[in-house]
Amino acid sequence: MTSKTSSFFLTNPIRSCMGNCYNYNLILKINSFFIHILYFVSVSSVGFGILKVLKPRTELPKPRNLDLLFTSVSAATVSSMSTVEMEAFSNEQLLVMTILMFIGGQVFTSMVGLHFKRFHITKTAGKNIDEEKSDPIEKDSSVVVSSWQPQTSYFDHTVIVSELSQNNGDSKSSSLEYDSIKFLGLVVLGYFLTIQVVGFSCVMIYLALVSSARNVLNKKGIKSSTFAVFTVVSSFASCGFVPTNENMIVFKENSGLLLILIPQILLGNTLFPPCLRLLIWVLGKIKVLKFKSNYLLQNTGEIGYFHLLPSSHSRSLVGTVSGLVLIGFGFFSAMEWNSGGYQGLNAYQKVVGGVFESANARHAGETVVDLSAVAPAVLVLFVVMMYLPPYTSFLPILIKSNEDQMSPKAKEVVIKEKWRKKAIQDLIFSPLCYLAIFVIAICITERKSLQQDPLNFSVLNITLEVVSAYGNVGFTTGYSCDRRIQQDPSCATKSYGFAGKWSDGGKVILIIVMFFGRLKQFSMDGGLAWKLL
């Protein structure tokens, strides 16, 4: 076979493969987007139906249907935005919300994704996997393809050929990928359950030993077991719901309880990838698990599990998370150390409260102070921290590209595919653009309140509420009748989120923002068409 002929046979399959692979990945991403929407809409709808059927506390007014839907969406998207006082919900309704947070958290949904990935591999390559397991000495398609390699062709780099061989179906690769994903799923499940069981046990022990915390629950008629499981699940899922009207403000003196919840908040969100990688590395010390562990650690890109990051990114993430918590703690403490929110606390309690508040500012949303009384500069910092995605890393990470090792013809194909991808991404706005649109829309729906009640309905408070919903955090300034310029005798201050005083149109927009924020991974690459010079 001549060089030209072999190049022709290689070039066309590879061009076709790269184009088809791109189209397949695009379709897969679109399908994944709609699957995520269907999942969260379905879970929220079912949750709303159950909350509506169950009776709230009889001594409190029954929440409206829109508020119940808002609460269900908030729990399922782990946003903890509230338009109803938490103590209005009965013990049964709190358990339903616990389930919604449990199955709405990113660790749980990622396990569902791993299950679907295993199913996809079984469906597309199940026959090859079975054959590989029954007969390990099998004809390798990569050998056949590599034998087509000409000595002088357009493709002098083996990466393209190996990609083609994998797309043509490598039984060994499919079997190894399947086994590794199965192992990864078990590791994530063990991590998921262990952290929360340990957290629940620690909270129950703390409540049994510390009477002051237990007395708070007794006065409010909340069972200790309900509080423990609800708060631990909420913290691990980075939701931020607490079954008390005041959130964690009533426990600001209970530093031990706050210290129990801080690891739950970090291990279930921002520090999940490095902790997962560390756990896989530790399990790799066991002889029978060494091969699978090494494969997972060395092939994070091939596995395609969003939360399994390369070692360099994981180290950077630990440094970034630690740095942001320290910055938030330092700034918050400097501005609020002698404020009314810290009144009656000693230095140790203030330090623990400041670390707790800073850790929650990223994605959890539990609070030990009234945010309406916090300095505006601190609120602006919290807005920035809430906007940042959980795996944001400010430390440089060098990513090696195979393009430098490709021939000119192969580079041409890759560049064309990149332009096709860029053309689609250009049609998507940037996250900041969407947030600006949402803030403007809510300012329109609440324009009457902005004029009549400018202290409560300030643009800063609205922006914080919108960014909090987008970041699925739950921080809110609340609403106070004392801040009204024109006093209204009928006004009653309620311990729920600021959105509770919004119009129905504003609440519907915020529901959309919560869904959008929970699916933010599909829009992070948007806005590439804009060039700010």
Foldseek 3Di string as FASTA:
>chain_A
DDQVVLQVVLVVLLLVVVVVVLVVVVVVLVVVLVVLVVVLVVQLVVLLVVQVVDAWPPVDDDDDSLQSSLLSSLLLLLLQAHLDQLLRGDLVNLVSSLVSNLCNFPLNVLLVVLVVVLVVLCVPQVVLLVVCVVPVPDDFQLVVQVVSDDPDHLWPDCPSSVVSSVVVPGSVVSNLLSVLSVVLSVLSVCLSVVLLVVLLVQQLVLLVVDVQVVVVCVVSVHDSSSQSSSLLSSQLSLNQDGSHLQFCQSVLQVLSNLVSSLCSNCCNFLLVQLVSLVSLVVVLVDPVSVVSSVCCQVPVPVSPSPSNDHPVLNVLSVVVLVVQLVVQLVVQCVQPVPPPLCPPYDPVSSSSQSSSQSSLLQGRAGHNGQVLRGDLVSLVSSLVNLLDHSSDGPDDDDDDDCLVVGGPSVVVSVVVSVVVVVVVQAVFAAPVVVLVVLLVQQCVQCVVCCVQQVSLPPSSQSSSLLSSLLSSRHHANADDQVSGPDHDPPDDGGSRHSCSPGDSVNSVSSSVSNSCSSSVVSNNSHDPVDDDD
